[in-house]
């Protein structure tokens, strides 16, 4: 009786000391196995299998990340002198249009309609 309670205590202590990334497996073991009859050797064997699964998952994830990293491309912007001169003149035209628009707002009073007294009668 003393050996079984001692073994049960060792199993519980062992499960408590596992890192947090093992918490999911610990919960599954606690819920599915009877910890009073689970030996420490059986627990360690179960956890070794789980460790192998974790390592395989990590390797697969790492290879996927490396695969996507190798697909990165860099783009270069090439411009000719002709494009630069036309875009410069377009910018100047845009600036002039904005200035004219602002000037129009100032003179018209921000599009406020002024009353017209000479309405046509039908």
PDB file of N, CA and C in Angstrom:
ATOM      1  N   UNK A   1       0.834  -1.199   0.000  1.00  0.00           N
ATOM      2  CA  UNK A   1       0.000   0.000   0.000  1.00  0.00           C
ATOM      3  C   UNK A   1       0.872   1.254   0.000  1.00  0.00           C
ATOM      4  N   UNK A   2       1.973   1.193   0.720  1.00  0.00           N
ATOM      5  CA  UNK A   2       2.870   2.340   0.801  1.00  0.00           C
ATOM      6  C   UNK A   2       3.543   2.597  -0.546  1.00  0.00           C
ATOM      7  N   UNK A   3       3.884   1.530  -1.270  1.00  0.00           N
ATOM      8  CA  UNK A   3       4.542   1.690  -2.567  1.00  0.00           C
ATOM      9  C   UNK A   3       3.612   2.318  -3.597  1.00  0.00           C
ATOM     10  N   UNK A   4       2.340   1.932  -3.594  1.00  0.00           N
ATOM     11  CA  UNK A   4       1.405   2.477  -4.583  1.00  0.00           C
ATOM     12  C   UNK A   4       1.143   3.959  -4.338  1.00  0.00           C
ATOM     13  N   UNK A   5       1.026   4.366  -3.080  1.00  0.00           N
ATOM     14  CA  UNK A   5       0.815   5.791  -2.793  1.00  0.00           C
ATOM     15  C   UNK A   5       2.082   6.584  -3.101  1.00  0.00           C
ATOM     16  N   UNK A   6       3.239   5.972  -2.857  1.00  0.00           N
ATOM     17  CA  UNK A   6       4.504   6.625  -3.176  1.00  0.00           C
ATOM     18  C   UNK A   6       4.640   6.802  -4.689  1.00  0.00           C
ATOM     19  N   UNK A   7       4.288   5.765  -5.448  1.00  0.00           N
ATOM     20  CA  UNK A   7       4.344   5.836  -6.911  1.00  0.00           C
ATOM     21  C   UNK A   7       3.359   6.877  -7.434  1.00  0.00           C
ATOM     22  N   UNK A   8       2.167   6.913  -6.856  1.00  0.00           N
ATOM     23  CA  UNK A   8       1.151   7.884  -7.265  1.00  0.00           C
ATOM     24  C   UNK A   8       1.644   9.305  -7.002  1.00  0.00           C
ATOM     25  N   UNK A   9       2.294   9.510  -5.859  1.00  0.00           N
ATOM     26  CA  UNK A   9       2.835  10.834  -5.540  1.00  0.00           C
ATOM     27  C   UNK A   9       3.935  11.229  -6.521  1.00  0.00           C
ATOM     28  N   UNK A  10       4.781  10.268  -6.891  1.00  0.00           N
ATOM     29  CA  UNK A  10       5.851  10.554  -7.850  1.00  0.00           C
ATOM     30  C   UNK A  10       5.270  10.935  -9.216  1.00  0.00           C
ATOM     31  N   UNK A  11       4.234  10.227  -9.630  1.00  0.00           N
ATOM     32  CA  UNK A  11       3.593  10.523 -10.914  1.00  0.00           C
ATOM     33  C   UNK A  11       2.990  11.920 -10.882  1.00  0.00           C
ATOM     34  N   UNK A  12       2.294  12.263  -9.818  1.00  0.00           N
ATOM     35  CA  UNK A  12       1.678  13.590  -9.711  1.00  0.00           C
ATOM     36  C   UNK A  12       2.740  14.689  -9.669  1.00  0.00           C
ATOM     37  N   UNK A  13       3.806  14.478  -8.911  1.00  0.00           N
ATOM     38  CA  UNK A  13       4.889  15.464  -8.841  1.00  0.00           C
ATOM     39  C   UNK A  13       5.547  15.637 -10.209  1.00  0.00           C
ATOM     40  N   UNK A  14       5.761  14.510 -10.879  1.00  0.00           N
ATOM     41  CA  UNK A  14       6.386  14.544 -12.196  1.00  0.00           C
ATOM     42  C   UNK A  14       5.520  15.341 -13.177  1.00  0.00           C
ATOM     43  N   UNK A  15       4.224  15.122 -13.141  1.00  0.00           N
ATOM     44  CA  UNK A  15       3.315  15.839 -14.038  1.00  0.00           C
ATOM     45  C   UNK A  15       3.277  17.338 -13.732  1.00  0.00           C
ATOM     46  N   UNK A  16       3.347  17.685 -12.449  1.00  0.00           N
ATOM     47  CA  UNK A  16       3.330  19.105 -12.068  1.00  0.00           C
ATOM     48  C   UNK A  16       4.580  19.843 -12.520  1.00  0.00           C
ATOM     49  N   UNK A  17       5.698  19.138 -12.592  1.00  0.00           N
ATOM     50  CA  UNK A  17       6.971  19.785 -12.904  1.00  0.00           C
ATOM     51  C   UNK A  17       7.234  19.934 -14.403  1.00  0.00           C
ATOM     52  N   UNK A  18       6.362  19.413 -15.219  1.00  0.00           N
ATOM     53  CA  UNK A  18       6.573  19.535 -16.664  1.00  0.00           C
ATOM     54  C   UNK A  18       6.373  20.980 -17.110  1.00  0.00           C
ATOM     55  N   UNK A  19       7.070  21.405 -18.174  1.00  0.00           N
ATOM     56  CA  UNK A  19       6.925  22.781 -18.682  1.00  0.00           C
ATOM     57  C   UNK A  19       5.503  23.058 -19.182  1.00  0.00           C
ATOM     58  N   UNK A  20       5.184  24.318 -19.352  1.00  0.00           N
ATOM     59  CA  UNK A  20       3.825  24.705 -19.743  1.00  0.00           C
ATOM     60  C   UNK A  20       3.446  24.216 -21.136  1.00  0.00           C
ATOM     61  N   UNK A  21       4.410  24.025 -22.020  1.00  0.00           N
ATOM     62  CA  UNK A  21       4.056  23.538 -23.352  1.00  0.00           C
ATOM     63  C   UNK A  21       3.560  22.091 -23.304  1.00  0.00           C
ATOM     64  N   UNK A  22       3.778  21.421 -22.190  1.00  0.00           N
ATOM     65  CA  UNK A  22       3.307  20.048 -21.992  1.00  0.00           C
ATOM     66  C   UNK A  22       1.961  20.015 -21.267  1.00  0.00           C
ATOM     67  N   UNK A  23       1.432  21.176 -20.906  1.00  0.00           N
ATOM     68  CA  UNK A  23       0.218  21.238 -20.093  1.00  0.00           C
ATOM     69  C   UNK A  23      -0.957  20.498 -20.742  1.00  0.00           C
ATOM     70  N   UNK A  24      -1.067  20.580 -22.045  1.00  0.00           N
ATOM     71  CA  UNK A  24      -2.161  19.903 -22.739  1.00  0.00           C
ATOM     72  C   UNK A  24      -2.054  18.386 -22.560  1.00  0.00           C
ATOM     73  N   UNK A  25      -0.867  17.853 -22.690  1.00  0.00           N
ATOM     74  CA  UNK A  25      -0.662  16.407 -22.531  1.00  0.00           C
ATOM     75  C   UNK A  25      -0.910  15.988 -21.087  1.00  0.00           C
ATOM     76  N   UNK A  26      -0.487  16.799 -20.136  1.00  0.00           N
ATOM     77  CA  UNK A  26      -0.708  16.499 -18.717  1.00  0.00           C
ATOM     78  C   UNK A  26      -2.203  16.403 -18.433  1.00  0.00           C
ATOM     79  N   UNK A  27      -2.965  17.323 -18.965  1.00  0.00           N
ATOM     80  CA  UNK A  27      -4.417  17.306 -18.758  1.00  0.00           C
ATOM     81  C   UNK A  27      -5.038  16.049 -19.346  1.00  0.00           C
ATOM     82  N   UNK A  28      -4.593  15.662 -20.526  1.00  0.00           N
ATOM     83  CA  UNK A  28      -5.122  14.446 -21.158  1.00  0.00           C
ATOM     84  C   UNK A  28      -4.792  13.220 -20.319  1.00  0.00           C
ATOM     85  N   UNK A  29      -3.576  13.137 -19.821  1.00  0.00           N
ATOM     86  CA  UNK A  29      -3.172  11.986 -18.994  1.00  0.00           C
ATOM     87  C   UNK A  29      -3.985  11.948 -17.707  1.00  0.00           C
ATOM     88  N   UNK A  30      -4.144  13.105 -17.063  1.00  0.00           N
ATOM     89  CA  UNK A  30      -4.899  13.141 -15.810  1.00  0.00           C
ATOM     90  C   UNK A  30      -6.352  12.726 -16.002  1.00  0.00           C
ATOM     91  N   UNK A  31      -6.936  13.088 -17.132  1.00  0.00           N
ATOM     92  CA  UNK A  31      -8.345  12.770 -17.352  1.00  0.00           C
ATOM     93  C   UNK A  31      -8.566  11.360 -17.885  1.00  0.00           C
ATOM     94  N   UNK A  32      -7.602  10.829 -18.639  1.00  0.00           N
ATOM     95  CA  UNK A  32      -7.834   9.527 -19.269  1.00  0.00           C
ATOM     96  C   UNK A  32      -7.251   8.352 -18.488  1.00  0.00           C
ATOM     97  N   UNK A  33      -6.253   8.587 -17.696  1.00  0.00           N
ATOM     98  CA  UNK A  33      -5.589   7.497 -16.973  1.00  0.00           C
ATOM     99  C   UNK A  33      -5.939   7.570 -15.490  1.00  0.00           C
ATOM    100  N   UNK A  34      -5.926   6.428 -14.883  1.00  0.00           N
ATOM    101  CA  UNK A  34      -6.087   6.361 -13.431  1.00  0.00           C
ATOM    102  C   UNK A  34      -4.695   6.522 -12.830  1.00  0.00           C
ATOM    103  N   UNK A  35      -4.438   7.674 -12.242  1.00  0.00           N
ATOM    104  CA  UNK A  35      -3.094   7.969 -11.741  1.00  0.00           C
ATOM    105  C   UNK A  35      -2.691   7.068 -10.582  1.00  0.00           C
ATOM    106  N   UNK A  36      -3.652   6.442  -9.940  1.00  0.00           N
ATOM    107  CA  UNK A  36      -3.307   5.563  -8.815  1.00  0.00           C
ATOM    108  C   UNK A  36      -2.665   4.262  -9.296  1.00  0.00           C
ATOM    109  N   UNK A  37      -2.937   3.865 -10.539  1.00  0.00           N
ATOM    110  CA  UNK A  37      -2.326   2.621 -11.035  1.00  0.00           C
ATOM    111  C   UNK A  37      -1.303   2.882 -12.141  1.00  0.00           C
ATOM    112  N   UNK A  38      -1.110   4.127 -12.520  1.00  0.00           N
ATOM    113  CA  UNK A  38      -0.149   4.475 -13.566  1.00  0.00           C
ATOM    114  C   UNK A  38       1.258   4.464 -12.982  1.00  0.00           C
ATOM    115  N   UNK A  39       2.125   3.661 -13.577  1.00  0.00           N
ATOM    116  CA  UNK A  39       3.504   3.608 -13.079  1.00  0.00           C
ATOM    117  C   UNK A  39       4.308   4.756 -13.682  1.00  0.00           C
ATOM    118  N   UNK A  40       5.383   5.082 -12.990  1.00  0.00           N
ATOM    119  CA  UNK A  40       6.250   6.161 -13.441  1.00  0.00           C
ATOM    120  C   UNK A  40       6.900   5.802 -14.773  1.00  0.00           C
ATOM    121  N   UNK A  41       7.269   4.537 -14.965  1.00  0.00           N
ATOM    122  CA  UNK A  41       7.877   4.099 -16.230  1.00  0.00           C
ATOM    123  C   UNK A  41       6.897   4.240 -17.397  1.00  0.00           C
ATOM    124  N   UNK A  42       5.648   3.885 -17.163  1.00  0.00           N
ATOM    125  CA  UNK A  42       4.628   4.011 -18.208  1.00  0.00           C
ATOM    126  C   UNK A  42       4.405   5.482 -18.562  1.00  0.00           C
ATOM    127  N   UNK A  43       4.394   6.333 -17.556  1.00  0.00           N
ATOM    128  CA  UNK A  43       4.232   7.766 -17.782  1.00  0.00           C
ATOM    129  C   UNK A  43       5.397   8.320 -18.598  1.00  0.00           C
ATOM    130  N   UNK A  44       6.610   7.947 -18.231  1.00  0.00           N
ATOM    131  CA  UNK A  44       7.794   8.440 -18.943  1.00  0.00           C
ATOM    132  C   UNK A  44       7.779   7.957 -20.396  1.00  0.00           C
ATOM    133  N   UNK A  45       7.394   6.703 -20.618  1.00  0.00           N
ATOM    134  CA  UNK A  45       7.287   6.192 -21.988  1.00  0.00           C
ATOM    135  C   UNK A  45       6.267   6.974 -22.800  1.00  0.00           C
ATOM    136  N   UNK A  46       5.135   7.273 -22.199  1.00  0.00           N
ATOM    137  CA  UNK A  46       4.087   8.044 -22.859  1.00  0.00           C
ATOM    138  C   UNK A  46       4.584   9.447 -23.210  1.00  0.00           C
ATOM    139  N   UNK A  47       5.315  10.062 -22.293  1.00  0.00           N
ATOM    140  CA  UNK A  47       5.819  11.412 -22.526  1.00  0.00           C
ATOM    141  C   UNK A  47       6.933  11.437 -23.574  1.00  0.00           C
ATOM    142  N   UNK A  48       7.731  10.369 -23.646  1.00  0.00           N
ATOM    143  CA  UNK A  48       8.776  10.292 -24.681  1.00  0.00           C
ATOM    144  C   UNK A  48       8.146  10.242 -26.071  1.00  0.00           C
ATOM    145  N   UNK A  49       7.083   9.481 -26.199  1.00  0.00           N
ATOM    146  CA  UNK A  49       6.378   9.419 -27.485  1.00  0.00           C
ATOM    147  C   UNK A  49       5.833  10.798 -27.847  1.00  0.00           C
ATOM    148  N   UNK A  50       5.268  11.467 -26.871  1.00  0.00           N
ATOM    149  CA  UNK A  50       4.723  12.807 -27.113  1.00  0.00           C
ATOM    150  C   UNK A  50       5.833  13.785 -27.508  1.00  0.00           C
ATOM    151  N   UNK A  51       7.013  13.633 -26.907  1.00  0.00           N
ATOM    152  CA  UNK A  51       8.144  14.502 -27.237  1.00  0.00           C
ATOM    153  C   UNK A  51       8.554  14.313 -28.696  1.00  0.00           C
ATOM    154  N   UNK A  52       8.565  13.081 -29.160  1.00  0.00           N
ATOM    155  CA  UNK A  52       8.906  12.810 -30.561  1.00  0.00           C
ATOM    156  C   UNK A  52       7.889  13.479 -31.490  1.00  0.00           C
ATOM    157  N   UNK A  53       6.619  13.405 -31.132  1.00  0.00           N
ATOM    158  CA  UNK A  53       5.568  14.044 -31.935  1.00  0.00           C
ATOM    159  C   UNK A  53       5.770  15.561 -31.964  1.00  0.00           C
ATOM    160  N   UNK A  54       6.084  16.157 -30.820  1.00  0.00           N
ATOM    161  CA  UNK A  54       6.330  17.601 -30.768  1.00  0.00           C
ATOM    162  C   UNK A  54       7.508  17.999 -31.651  1.00  0.00           C
ATOM    163  N   UNK A  55       8.574  17.208 -31.610  1.00  0.00           N
ATOM    164  CA  UNK A  55       9.758  17.518 -32.416  1.00  0.00           C
ATOM    165  C   UNK A  55       9.451  17.415 -33.906  1.00  0.00           C
ATOM    166  N   UNK A  56       8.665  16.426 -34.304  1.00  0.00           N
ATOM    167  CA  UNK A  56       8.288  16.298 -35.717  1.00  0.00           C
ATOM    168  C   UNK A  56       7.434  17.484 -36.150  1.00  0.00           C
ATOM    169  N   UNK A  57       6.499  17.874 -35.306  1.00  0.00           N
ATOM    170  CA  UNK A  57       5.660  19.029 -35.627  1.00  0.00           C
ATOM    171  C   UNK A  57       6.498  20.295 -35.758  1.00  0.00           C
ATOM    172  N   UNK A  58       7.484  20.448 -34.879  1.00  0.00           N
ATOM    173  CA  UNK A  58       8.363  21.610 -34.924  1.00  0.00           C
ATOM    174  C   UNK A  58       9.176  21.614 -36.220  1.00  0.00           C
ATOM    175  N   UNK A  59       9.701  20.451 -36.601  1.00  0.00           N
ATOM    176  CA  UNK A  59      10.483  20.361 -37.832  1.00  0.00           C
ATOM    177  C   UNK A  59       9.634  20.692 -39.058  1.00  0.00           C
ATOM    178  N   UNK A  60       8.405  20.205 -39.078  1.00  0.00           N
ATOM    179  CA  UNK A  60       7.506  20.499 -40.200  1.00  0.00           C
ATOM    180  C   UNK A  60       7.203  21.990 -40.260  1.00  0.00           C
ATOM    181  N   UNK A  61       6.924  22.571 -39.120  1.00  0.00           N
ATOM    182  CA  UNK A  61       6.627  24.000 -39.063  1.00  0.00           C
ATOM    183  C   UNK A  61       7.833  24.824 -39.501  1.00  0.00           C
ATOM    184  N   UNK A  62       9.016  24.429 -39.057  1.00  0.00           N
ATOM    185  CA  UNK A  62      10.237  25.143 -39.407  1.00  0.00           C
ATOM    186  C   UNK A  62      10.503  25.058 -40.909  1.00  0.00           C
ATOM    187  N   UNK A  63      10.293  23.883 -41.501  1.00  0.00           N
ATOM    188  CA  UNK A  63      10.525  23.741 -42.941  1.00  0.00           C
ATOM    189  C   UNK A  63       9.524  24.568 -43.743  1.00  0.00           C
ATOM    190  N   UNK A  64       8.287  24.683 -43.250  1.00  0.00           N
ATOM    191  CA  UNK A  64       7.300  25.521 -43.937  1.00  0.00           C
ATOM    192  C   UNK A  64       7.710  26.987 -43.882  1.00  0.00           C
ATOM    193  N   UNK A  65       8.208  27.427 -42.731  1.00  0.00           N
ATOM    194  CA  UNK A  65       8.653  28.815 -42.610  1.00  0.00           C
ATOM    195  C   UNK A  65       9.822  29.082 -43.545  1.00  0.00           C
ATOM    196  N   UNK A  66      10.778  28.141 -43.600  1.00  0.00           N
ATOM    197  CA  UNK A  66      11.925  28.303 -44.487  1.00  0.00           C
ATOM    198  C   UNK A  66      11.483  28.328 -45.944  1.00  0.00           C
ATOM    199  N   UNK A  67      10.496  27.529 -46.281  1.00  0.00           N
ATOM    200  CA  UNK A  67       9.982  27.483 -47.648  1.00  0.00           C
ATOM    201  C   UNK A  67       9.409  28.835 -48.035  1.00  0.00           C
ATOM    202  N   UNK A  68       8.637  29.436 -47.146  1.00  0.00           N
ATOM    203  CA  UNK A  68       8.048  30.731 -47.453  1.00  0.00           C
ATOM    204  C   UNK A  68       9.093  31.842 -47.451  1.00  0.00           C
ATOM    205  N   UNK A  69      10.096  31.707 -46.633  1.00  0.00           N
ATOM    206  CA  UNK A  69      11.154  32.710 -46.626  1.00  0.00           C
ATOM    207  C   UNK A  69      11.907  32.708 -47.943  1.00  0.00           C
ATOM    208  N   UNK A  70      12.069  31.554 -48.558  1.00  0.00           N
ATOM    209  CA  UNK A  70      12.824  31.479 -49.799  1.00  0.00           C
ATOM    210  C   UNK A  70      12.047  32.046 -50.978  1.00  0.00           C
ATOM    211  N   UNK A  71      10.760  32.289 -50.816  1.00  0.00           N
ATOM    212  CA  UNK A  71       9.952  32.815 -51.900  1.00  0.00           C
ATOM    213  C   UNK A  71       9.897  34.340 -51.932  1.00  0.00           C
ATOM    214  N   UNK A  72      10.563  35.001 -51.014  1.00  0.00           N
ATOM    215  CA  UNK A  72      10.514  36.456 -50.963  1.00  0.00           C
ATOM    216  C   UNK A  72      11.248  37.049 -52.161  1.00  0.00           C
ATOM    217  N   UNK A  73      10.635  38.016 -52.792  1.00  0.00           N
ATOM    218  CA  UNK A  73      11.217  38.676 -53.951  1.00  0.00           C
ATOM    219  C   UNK A  73      11.368  40.160 -53.663  1.00  0.00           C
ATOM    220  N   UNK A  74      12.345  40.749 -54.313  1.00  0.00           N
ATOM    221  CA  UNK A  74      12.545  42.181 -54.175  1.00  0.00           C
ATOM    222  C   UNK A  74      12.208  42.843 -55.504  1.00  0.00           C
ATOM    223  N   UNK A  75      11.572  43.983 -55.433  1.00  0.00           N
ATOM    224  CA  UNK A  75      11.201  44.717 -56.638  1.00  0.00           C
ATOM    225  C   UNK A  75      12.056  45.967 -56.747  1.00  0.00           C
ATOM    226  N   UNK A  76      12.471  46.234 -57.957  1.00  0.00           N
ATOM    227  CA  UNK A  76      13.238  47.446 -58.205  1.00  0.00           C
ATOM    228  C   UNK A  76      12.389  48.389 -59.032  1.00  0.00           C
ATOM    229  N   UNK A  77      12.459  49.646 -58.693  1.00  0.00           N
ATOM    230  CA  UNK A  77      11.712  50.636 -59.452  1.00  0.00           C
ATOM    231  C   UNK A  77      12.682  51.328 -60.395  1.00  0.00           C
ATOM    232  N   UNK A  78      12.404  51.182 -61.666  1.00  0.00           N
ATOM    233  CA  UNK A  78      13.233  51.836 -62.665  1.00  0.00           C
ATOM    234  C   UNK A  78      12.405  52.918 -63.326  1.00  0.00           C
ATOM    235  N   UNK A  79      12.988  54.076 -63.463  1.00  0.00           N
ATOM    236  CA  UNK A  79      12.264  55.160 -64.119  1.00  0.00           C
ATOM    237  C   UNK A  79      13.170  55.788 -65.163  1.00  0.00           C
ATOM    238  N   UNK A  80      12.588  56.168 -66.240  1.00  0.00           N
ATOM    239  CA  UNK A  80      13.361  56.823 -67.287  1.00  0.00           C
ATOM    240  C   UNK A  80      13.259  58.333 -67.101  1.00  0.00           C
ATOM    241  N   UNK A  81      14.114  59.058 -67.801  1.00  0.00           N
ATOM    242  CA  UNK A  81      14.094  60.517 -67.715  1.00  0.00           C
ATOM    243  C   UNK A  81      12.794  61.078 -68.273  1.00  0.00           C
ATOM    244  N   UNK A  82      12.237  60.410 -69.281  1.00  0.00           N
ATOM    245  CA  UNK A  82      11.001  60.867 -69.902  1.00  0.00           C
ATOM    246  C   UNK A  82       9.841  60.823 -68.913  1.00  0.00           C
ATOM    247  N   UNK A  83       9.752  59.718 -68.145  1.00  0.00           N
ATOM    248  CA  UNK A  83       8.686  59.591 -67.155  1.00  0.00           C
ATOM    249  C   UNK A  83       8.834  60.630 -66.060  1.00  0.00           C
ATOM    250  N   UNK A  84      10.073  60.891 -65.664  1.00  0.00           N
ATOM    251  CA  UNK A  84      10.324  61.854 -64.603  1.00  0.00           C
ATOM    252  C   UNK A  84       9.893  63.247 -65.028  1.00  0.00           C
ATOM    253  N   UNK A  85      10.203  63.612 -66.259  1.00  0.00           N
ATOM    254  CA  UNK A  85       9.845  64.954 -66.702  1.00  0.00           C
ATOM    255  C   UNK A  85       8.335  65.106 -66.841  1.00  0.00           C
ATOM    256  N   UNK A  86       7.640  64.069 -67.326  1.00  0.00           N
ATOM    257  CA  UNK A  86       6.188  64.184 -67.452  1.00  0.00           C
ATOM    258  C   UNK A  86       5.524  64.190 -66.090  1.00  0.00           C
ATOM    259  N   UNK A  87       6.028  63.378 -65.168  1.00  0.00           N
ATOM    260  CA  UNK A  87       5.406  63.369 -63.848  1.00  0.00           C
ATOM    261  C   UNK A  87       5.670  64.679 -63.125  1.00  0.00           C
ATOM    262  N   UNK A  88       6.829  65.292 -63.374  1.00  0.00           N
ATOM    263  CA  UNK A  88       7.127  66.591 -62.784  1.00  0.00           C
ATOM    264  C   UNK A  88       6.192  67.661 -63.302  1.00  0.00           C
ATOM    265  N   UNK A  89       5.936  67.633 -64.616  1.00  0.00           N
ATOM    266  CA  UNK A  89       5.024  68.631 -65.179  1.00  0.00           C
ATOM    267  C   UNK A  89       3.593  68.371 -64.718  1.00  0.00           C
ATOM    268  N   UNK A  90       3.219  67.092 -64.560  1.00  0.00           N
ATOM    269  CA  UNK A  90       1.893  66.767 -64.043  1.00  0.00           C
ATOM    270  C   UNK A  90       1.733  67.270 -62.619  1.00  0.00           C
ATOM    271  N   UNK A  91       2.795  67.148 -61.822  1.00  0.00           N
ATOM    272  CA  UNK A  91       2.750  67.650 -60.451  1.00  0.00           C
ATOM    273  C   UNK A  91       2.559  69.166 -60.438  1.00  0.00           C
ATOM    274  N   UNK A  92       3.256  69.847 -61.333  1.00  0.00           N
ATOM    275  CA  UNK A  92       3.122  71.300 -61.401  1.00  0.00           C
ATOM    276  C   UNK A  92       1.703  71.694 -61.799  1.00  0.00           C
ATOM    277  N   UNK A  93       1.133  70.968 -62.761  1.00  0.00           N
ATOM    278  CA  UNK A  93      -0.240  71.249 -63.177  1.00  0.00           C
ATOM    279  C   UNK A  93      -1.211  71.023 -62.024  1.00  0.00           C
ATOM    280  N   UNK A  94      -0.977  69.978 -61.268  1.00  0.00           N
ATOM    281  CA  UNK A  94      -1.832  69.665 -60.126  1.00  0.00           C
ATOM    282  C   UNK A  94      -1.767  70.782 -59.090  1.00  0.00           C
ATOM    283  N   UNK A  95      -0.549  71.249 -58.795  1.00  0.00           N
ATOM    284  CA  UNK A  95      -0.369  72.323 -57.819  1.00  0.00           C
ATOM    285  C   UNK A  95      -1.065  73.596 -58.295  1.00  0.00           C
ATOM    286  N   UNK A  96      -0.937  73.894 -59.580  1.00  0.00           N
ATOM    287  CA  UNK A  96      -1.584  75.093 -60.124  1.00  0.00           C
ATOM    288  C   UNK A  96      -3.108  74.975 -60.037  1.00  0.00           C
ATOM    289  N   UNK A  97      -3.641  73.795 -60.314  1.00  0.00           N
ATOM    290  CA  UNK A  97      -5.091  73.600 -60.235  1.00  0.00           C
ATOM    291  C   UNK A  97      -5.583  73.788 -58.807  1.00  0.00           C
ATOM    292  N   UNK A  98      -4.837  73.297 -57.845  1.00  0.00           N
ATOM    293  CA  UNK A  98      -5.207  73.459 -56.434  1.00  0.00           C
ATOM    294  C   UNK A  98      -5.183  74.933 -56.053  1.00  0.00           C
ATOM    295  N   UNK A  99      -4.160  75.663 -56.506  1.00  0.00           N
ATOM    296  CA  UNK A  99      -4.079  77.095 -56.202  1.00  0.00           C
ATOM    297  C   UNK A  99      -5.274  77.844 -56.793  1.00  0.00           C
ATOM    298  N   UNK A 100      -5.597  77.518 -58.043  1.00  0.00           N
ATOM    299  CA  UNK A 100      -6.747  78.177 -58.679  1.00  0.00           C
ATOM    300  C   UNK A 100      -8.034  77.856 -57.935  1.00  0.00           C
ATOM    301  N   UNK A 101      -8.181  76.621 -57.504  1.00  0.00           N
ATOM    302  CA  UNK A 101      -9.375  76.204 -56.776  1.00  0.00           C
ATOM    303  C   UNK A 101      -9.497  76.963 -55.455  1.00  0.00           C
ATOM    304  N   UNK A 102      -8.378  77.095 -54.741  1.00  0.00           N
ATOM    305  CA  UNK A 102      -8.385  77.849 -53.479  1.00  0.00           C
ATOM    306  C   UNK A 102      -8.734  79.316 -53.726  1.00  0.00           C
ATOM    307  N   UNK A 103      -8.173  79.872 -54.791  1.00  0.00           N
ATOM    308  CA  UNK A 103      -8.451  81.256 -55.126  1.00  0.00           C
ATOM    309  C   UNK A 103      -9.937  81.435 -55.452  1.00  0.00           C
ATOM    310  N   UNK A 104     -10.501  80.477 -56.158  1.00  0.00           N
ATOM    311  CA  UNK A 104     -11.921  80.500 -56.503  1.00  0.00           C
ATOM    312  C   UNK A 104     -12.775  80.474 -55.241  1.00  0.00           C
ATOM    313  N   UNK A 105     -12.401  79.654 -54.264  1.00  0.00           N
ATOM    314  CA  UNK A 105     -13.134  79.592 -53.002  1.00  0.00           C
ATOM    315  C   UNK A 105     -13.115  80.934 -52.290  1.00  0.00           C
ATOM    316  N   UNK A 106     -11.954  81.577 -52.260  1.00  0.00           N
ATOM    317  CA  UNK A 106     -11.835  82.851 -51.568  1.00  0.00           C
ATOM    318  C   UNK A 106     -12.702  83.928 -52.220  1.00  0.00           C
ATOM    319  N   UNK A 107     -12.705  83.961 -53.536  1.00  0.00           N
ATOM    320  CA  UNK A 107     -13.467  85.018 -54.216  1.00  0.00           C
ATOM    321  C   UNK A 107     -14.960  84.746 -54.205  1.00  0.00           C
ATOM    322  N   UNK A 108     -15.376  83.498 -54.241  1.00  0.00           N
ATOM    323  CA  UNK A 108     -16.797  83.159 -54.293  1.00  0.00           C
ATOM    324  C   UNK A 108     -17.411  82.994 -52.912  1.00  0.00           C
ATOM    325  N   UNK A 109     -16.654  83.074 -51.902  1.00  0.00           N
ATOM    326  CA  UNK A 109     -17.204  82.929 -50.561  1.00  0.00           C
ATOM    327  C   UNK A 109     -17.628  81.499 -50.272  1.00  0.00           C
ATOM    328  N   UNK A 110     -16.823  80.592 -50.657  1.00  0.00           N
ATOM    329  CA  UNK A 110     -17.031  79.168 -50.384  1.00  0.00           C
ATOM    330  C   UNK A 110     -18.345  78.651 -50.972  1.00  0.00           C
ATOM    331  N   UNK A 111     -18.575  78.961 -52.214  1.00  0.00           N
ATOM    332  CA  UNK A 111     -19.739  78.499 -52.968  1.00  0.00           C
ATOM    333  C   UNK A 111     -21.065  78.986 -52.392  1.00  0.00           C
ATOM    334  N   UNK A 112     -21.044  80.062 -51.667  1.00  0.00           N
ATOM    335  CA  UNK A 112     -22.301  80.604 -51.143  1.00  0.00           C
ATOM    336  C   UNK A 112     -23.059  81.245 -52.296  1.00  0.00           C
ATOM    337  N   UNK A 113     -24.322  80.899 -52.442  1.00  0.00           N
ATOM    338  CA  UNK A 113     -25.131  81.476 -53.519  1.00  0.00           C
ATOM    339  C   UNK A 113     -25.541  82.889 -53.142  1.00  0.00           C
ATOM    340  N   UNK A 114     -25.413  83.723 -54.107  1.00  0.00           N
ATOM    341  CA  UNK A 114     -25.841  85.094 -53.897  1.00  0.00           C
ATOM    342  C   UNK A 114     -27.215  85.259 -54.524  1.00  0.00           C
ATOM    343  N   UNK A 115     -28.094  85.982 -53.871  1.00  0.00           N
ATOM    344  CA  UNK A 115     -29.467  86.114 -54.392  1.00  0.00           C
ATOM    345  C   UNK A 115     -29.489  86.868 -55.715  1.00  0.00           C
ATOM    346  N   UNK A 116     -30.319  86.380 -56.627  1.00  0.00           N
ATOM    347  CA  UNK A 116     -30.502  87.038 -57.920  1.00  0.00           C
ATOM    348  C   UNK A 116     -31.884  87.688 -57.934  1.00  0.00           C
ATOM    349  N   UNK A 117     -31.910  88.989 -58.145  1.00  0.00           N
ATOM    350  CA  UNK A 117     -33.177  89.710 -58.136  1.00  0.00           C
ATOM    351  C   UNK A 117     -33.906  89.624 -59.472  1.00  0.00           C
ATOM    352  N   UNK A 118     -33.172  89.414 -60.535  1.00  0.00           N
ATOM    353  CA  UNK A 118     -33.795  89.414 -61.853  1.00  0.00           C
ATOM    354  C   UNK A 118     -34.204  88.005 -62.279  1.00  0.00           C
ATOM    355  N   UNK A 119     -35.273  87.484 -61.649  1.00  0.00           N
ATOM    356  CA  UNK A 119     -35.797  86.180 -62.015  1.00  0.00           C
ATOM    357  C   UNK A 119     -36.724  86.343 -63.202  1.00  0.00           C
ATOM    358  N   UNK A 120     -36.726  85.381 -64.066  1.00  0.00           N
ATOM    359  CA  UNK A 120     -37.579  85.437 -65.248  1.00  0.00           C
ATOM    360  C   UNK A 120     -38.980  84.973 -64.889  1.00  0.00           C
ATOM    361  N   UNK A 121     -39.961  85.707 -65.352  1.00  0.00           N
ATOM    362  CA  UNK A 121     -41.353  85.335 -65.097  1.00  0.00           C
ATOM    363  C   UNK A 121     -41.913  84.655 -66.330  1.00  0.00           C
ATOM    364  N   UNK A 122     -42.708  83.647 -66.167  1.00  0.00           N
ATOM    365  CA  UNK A 122     -43.308  82.920 -67.281  1.00  0.00           C
ATOM    366  C   UNK A 122     -44.657  83.413 -67.559  1.00  0.00           C
TER     367      UNK A 122
END
